Amino acid sequence: MLLTEINPARANEIFQRGYEMGNSRLIVGMHWQSDVDDARLVSAMACALMHSNQDFLDQMEKAKAEFKQKSSGVTSVKADNKATDGNAYTLTGVRATPESKGIIIQNDTKVLKR
């Protein structure tokens, strides 16, 4: 929930990822449905409680400003490259260059560059 406040343009994706994470705990048998449901409720209550704290609100504003500053000028790039398993990758962020660090597409393969 907090990440959606910082990056509201990606709220749907962030919420979907969180929802799927909870469901994955059920699929692998690590939690009961009630565990996942209650964790969602408790996290919503904790988020609401944090919003009553001025120190938290001040820090949230700083986080929003930092995210906005660091993401200005960043463009989304749809990679046409295909991996050897046939999956297409979408890269979001700064265009990959030979100096790029992180996960990039290189020779039709996803590569981690350090």
C-alpha atoms as a PDB file:
ATOM      1  CA  MET A   1       0.000   0.000   0.000  1.00  0.00           C
ATOM      2  CA  LEU A   2       2.833   2.357   0.825  1.00  0.00           C
ATOM      3  CA  LEU A   3       4.565   1.685  -2.485  1.00  0.00           C
ATOM      4  CA  THR A   4       1.385   2.620  -4.358  1.00  0.00           C
ATOM      5  CA  GLU A   5       1.437   6.009  -2.658  1.00  0.00           C
ATOM      6  CA  ILE A   6       4.993   6.569  -3.838  1.00  0.00           C
ATOM      7  CA  ASN A   7       4.317   5.308  -7.370  1.00  0.00           C
ATOM      8  CA  PRO A   8       0.554   5.617  -8.011  1.00  0.00           C
ATOM      9  CA  ALA A   9       1.022   5.101 -11.753  1.00  0.00           C
ATOM     10  CA  ARG A  10       1.943   1.467 -11.027  1.00  0.00           C
ATOM     11  CA  ALA A  11      -0.618   0.860  -8.261  1.00  0.00           C
ATOM     12  CA  ASN A  12      -2.448  -1.907 -10.128  1.00  0.00           C
ATOM     13  CA  GLU A  13       0.772  -3.831 -10.755  1.00  0.00           C
ATOM     14  CA  ILE A  14       1.976  -3.377  -7.181  1.00  0.00           C
ATOM     15  CA  PHE A  15      -1.322  -4.533  -5.681  1.00  0.00           C
ATOM     16  CA  GLN A  16      -1.474  -7.476  -8.080  1.00  0.00           C
ATOM     17  CA  ARG A  17       2.045  -8.559  -7.121  1.00  0.00           C
ATOM     18  CA  GLY A  18       1.174  -8.399  -3.426  1.00  0.00           C
ATOM     19  CA  TYR A  19      -2.050 -10.331  -3.933  1.00  0.00           C
ATOM     20  CA  GLU A  20      -0.235 -13.016  -5.914  1.00  0.00           C
ATOM     21  CA  MET A  21       2.459 -13.240  -3.244  1.00  0.00           C
ATOM     22  CA  GLY A  22      -0.175 -14.004  -0.630  1.00  0.00           C
ATOM     23  CA  ASN A  23      -1.788 -16.597  -2.865  1.00  0.00           C
ATOM     24  CA  SER A  24       1.570 -18.236  -3.548  1.00  0.00           C
ATOM     25  CA  ARG A  25       1.898 -18.944   0.187  1.00  0.00           C
ATOM     26  CA  LEU A  26      -1.335 -20.947  -0.044  1.00  0.00           C
ATOM     27  CA  ILE A  27      -0.287 -22.821  -3.169  1.00  0.00           C
ATOM     28  CA  VAL A  28       2.968 -24.048  -1.639  1.00  0.00           C
ATOM     29  CA  GLY A  29       1.213 -24.996   1.595  1.00  0.00           C
ATOM     30  CA  MET A  30       3.069 -22.559   3.859  1.00  0.00           C
ATOM     31  CA  HIS A  31      -0.071 -20.811   5.163  1.00  0.00           C
ATOM     32  CA  TRP A  32      -3.791 -21.283   5.589  1.00  0.00           C
ATOM     33  CA  GLN A  33      -6.274 -19.004   3.802  1.00  0.00           C
ATOM     34  CA  SER A  34      -7.090 -17.364   7.133  1.00  0.00           C
ATOM     35  CA  ASP A  35      -3.383 -16.497   7.601  1.00  0.00           C
ATOM     36  CA  VAL A  36      -3.287 -14.677   4.268  1.00  0.00           C
ATOM     37  CA  ASP A  37      -6.639 -12.958   4.815  1.00  0.00           C
ATOM     38  CA  ASP A  38      -5.649 -11.791   8.295  1.00  0.00           C
ATOM     39  CA  ALA A  39      -2.231 -10.570   7.100  1.00  0.00           C
ATOM     40  CA  ARG A  40      -3.972  -8.437   4.487  1.00  0.00           C
ATOM     41  CA  LEU A  41      -6.271  -6.984   7.145  1.00  0.00           C
ATOM     42  CA  VAL A  42      -3.466  -6.319   9.644  1.00  0.00           C
ATOM     43  CA  SER A  43      -1.289  -4.666   6.989  1.00  0.00           C
ATOM     44  CA  ALA A  44      -4.172  -2.375   5.996  1.00  0.00           C
ATOM     45  CA  MET A  45      -4.674  -1.431   9.636  1.00  0.00           C
ATOM     46  CA  ALA A  46      -0.934  -0.805  10.125  1.00  0.00           C
ATOM     47  CA  CYS A  47      -0.866   1.379   7.018  1.00  0.00           C
ATOM     48  CA  ALA A  48      -3.813   3.406   8.319  1.00  0.00           C
ATOM     49  CA  LEU A  49      -2.169   3.760  11.724  1.00  0.00           C
ATOM     50  CA  MET A  50       1.098   4.978  10.195  1.00  0.00           C
ATOM     51  CA  HIS A  51      -0.825   7.733   8.439  1.00  0.00           C
ATOM     52  CA  SER A  52      -1.704   9.209  11.825  1.00  0.00           C
ATOM     53  CA  ASN A  53       1.992   9.751  12.623  1.00  0.00           C
ATOM     54  CA  GLN A  54       3.472  13.067  11.463  1.00  0.00           C
ATOM     55  CA  ASP A  55       7.046  11.722  11.339  1.00  0.00           C
ATOM     56  CA  PHE A  56       5.862   8.976   9.007  1.00  0.00           C
ATOM     57  CA  LEU A  57       3.979  11.470   6.826  1.00  0.00           C
ATOM     58  CA  ASP A  58       7.084  13.662   6.576  1.00  0.00           C
ATOM     59  CA  GLN A  59       9.207  10.680   5.538  1.00  0.00           C
ATOM     60  CA  MET A  60       6.570   9.583   3.007  1.00  0.00           C
ATOM     61  CA  GLU A  61       6.682  13.032   1.380  1.00  0.00           C
ATOM     62  CA  LYS A  62      10.479  12.766   1.147  1.00  0.00           C
ATOM     63  CA  ALA A  63      10.157   9.296  -0.423  1.00  0.00           C
ATOM     64  CA  LYS A  64       7.637  10.576  -2.986  1.00  0.00           C
ATOM     65  CA  ALA A  65       9.887  13.507  -3.884  1.00  0.00           C
ATOM     66  CA  GLU A  66      12.941  11.245  -4.203  1.00  0.00           C
ATOM     67  CA  PHE A  67      11.049   8.786  -6.392  1.00  0.00           C
ATOM     68  CA  LYS A  68       9.757  11.586  -8.602  1.00  0.00           C
ATOM     69  CA  GLN A  69      13.241  13.079  -8.936  1.00  0.00           C
ATOM     70  CA  LYS A  70      14.904   9.745  -9.717  1.00  0.00           C
ATOM     71  CA  SER A  71      12.234   8.625 -12.153  1.00  0.00           C
ATOM     72  CA  SER A  72      11.993  11.869 -14.126  1.00  0.00           C
ATOM     73  CA  GLY A  73      13.192  11.324 -17.658  1.00  0.00           C
ATOM     74  CA  VAL A  74      13.005   7.537 -17.328  1.00  0.00           C
ATOM     75  CA  THR A  75      11.159   5.907 -20.190  1.00  0.00           C
ATOM     76  CA  SER A  76       9.610   2.490 -20.600  1.00  0.00           C
ATOM     77  CA  VAL A  77      11.141   0.380 -23.310  1.00  0.00           C
ATOM     78  CA  LYS A  78       9.435  -2.644 -24.840  1.00  0.00           C
ATOM     79  CA  ALA A  79      12.118  -5.135 -25.726  1.00  0.00           C
ATOM     80  CA  ASP A  80      11.457  -6.985 -28.971  1.00  0.00           C
ATOM     81  CA  ASN A  81      14.110  -9.534 -28.071  1.00  0.00           C
ATOM     82  CA  LYS A  82      12.969 -13.018 -27.181  1.00  0.00           C
ATOM     83  CA  ALA A  83      14.635 -15.277 -24.660  1.00  0.00           C
ATOM     84  CA  THR A  84      15.644 -18.781 -25.656  1.00  0.00           C
ATOM     85  CA  ASP A  85      12.509 -20.080 -23.902  1.00  0.00           C
ATOM     86  CA  GLY A  86      10.337 -17.878 -26.161  1.00  0.00           C
ATOM     87  CA  ASN A  87       9.278 -15.384 -23.466  1.00  0.00           C
ATOM     88  CA  ALA A  88       9.377 -11.698 -24.325  1.00  0.00           C
ATOM     89  CA  TYR A  89      10.824  -9.325 -21.763  1.00  0.00           C
ATOM     90  CA  THR A  90       9.680  -5.809 -21.027  1.00  0.00           C
ATOM     91  CA  LEU A  91      12.338  -3.486 -19.698  1.00  0.00           C
ATOM     92  CA  THR A  92      11.195  -0.480 -17.709  1.00  0.00           C
ATOM     93  CA  GLY A  93      13.677   2.240 -16.931  1.00  0.00           C
ATOM     94  CA  VAL A  94      16.816   3.624 -18.459  1.00  0.00           C
ATOM     95  CA  ARG A  95      17.933   2.146 -21.781  1.00  0.00           C
ATOM     96  CA  ALA A  96      20.619  -0.509 -21.357  1.00  0.00           C
ATOM     97  CA  THR A  97      24.103   0.461 -22.501  1.00  0.00           C
ATOM     98  CA  PRO A  98      27.401  -1.472 -22.389  1.00  0.00           C
ATOM     99  CA  GLU A  99      28.017   0.213 -19.025  1.00  0.00           C
ATOM    100  CA  SER A 100      24.601  -0.806 -17.623  1.00  0.00           C
ATOM    101  CA  LYS A 101      24.369  -2.721 -14.387  1.00  0.00           C
ATOM    102  CA  GLY A 102      21.552  -5.025 -13.362  1.00  0.00           C
ATOM    103  CA  ILE A 103      19.426  -7.314 -15.508  1.00  0.00           C
ATOM    104  CA  ILE A 104      19.504  -6.518 -19.210  1.00  0.00           C
ATOM    105  CA  ILE A 105      18.710  -8.307 -22.474  1.00  0.00           C
ATOM    106  CA  GLN A 106      21.885  -9.268 -24.290  1.00  0.00           C
ATOM    107  CA  ASN A 107      22.012 -11.564 -27.328  1.00  0.00           C
ATOM    108  CA  ASP A 108      18.367 -12.556 -26.795  1.00  0.00           C
ATOM    109  CA  THR A 109      19.108 -13.648 -23.216  1.00  0.00           C
ATOM    110  CA  LYS A 110      18.393 -12.040 -19.848  1.00  0.00           C
ATOM    111  CA  VAL A 111      21.778 -11.287 -18.270  1.00  0.00           C
ATOM    112  CA  LEU A 112      22.823  -9.990 -14.837  1.00  0.00           C
ATOM    113  CA  LYS A 113      25.637  -7.456 -15.157  1.00  0.00           C
ATOM    114  CA  ARG A 114      27.537  -6.462 -12.021  1.00  0.00           C
END
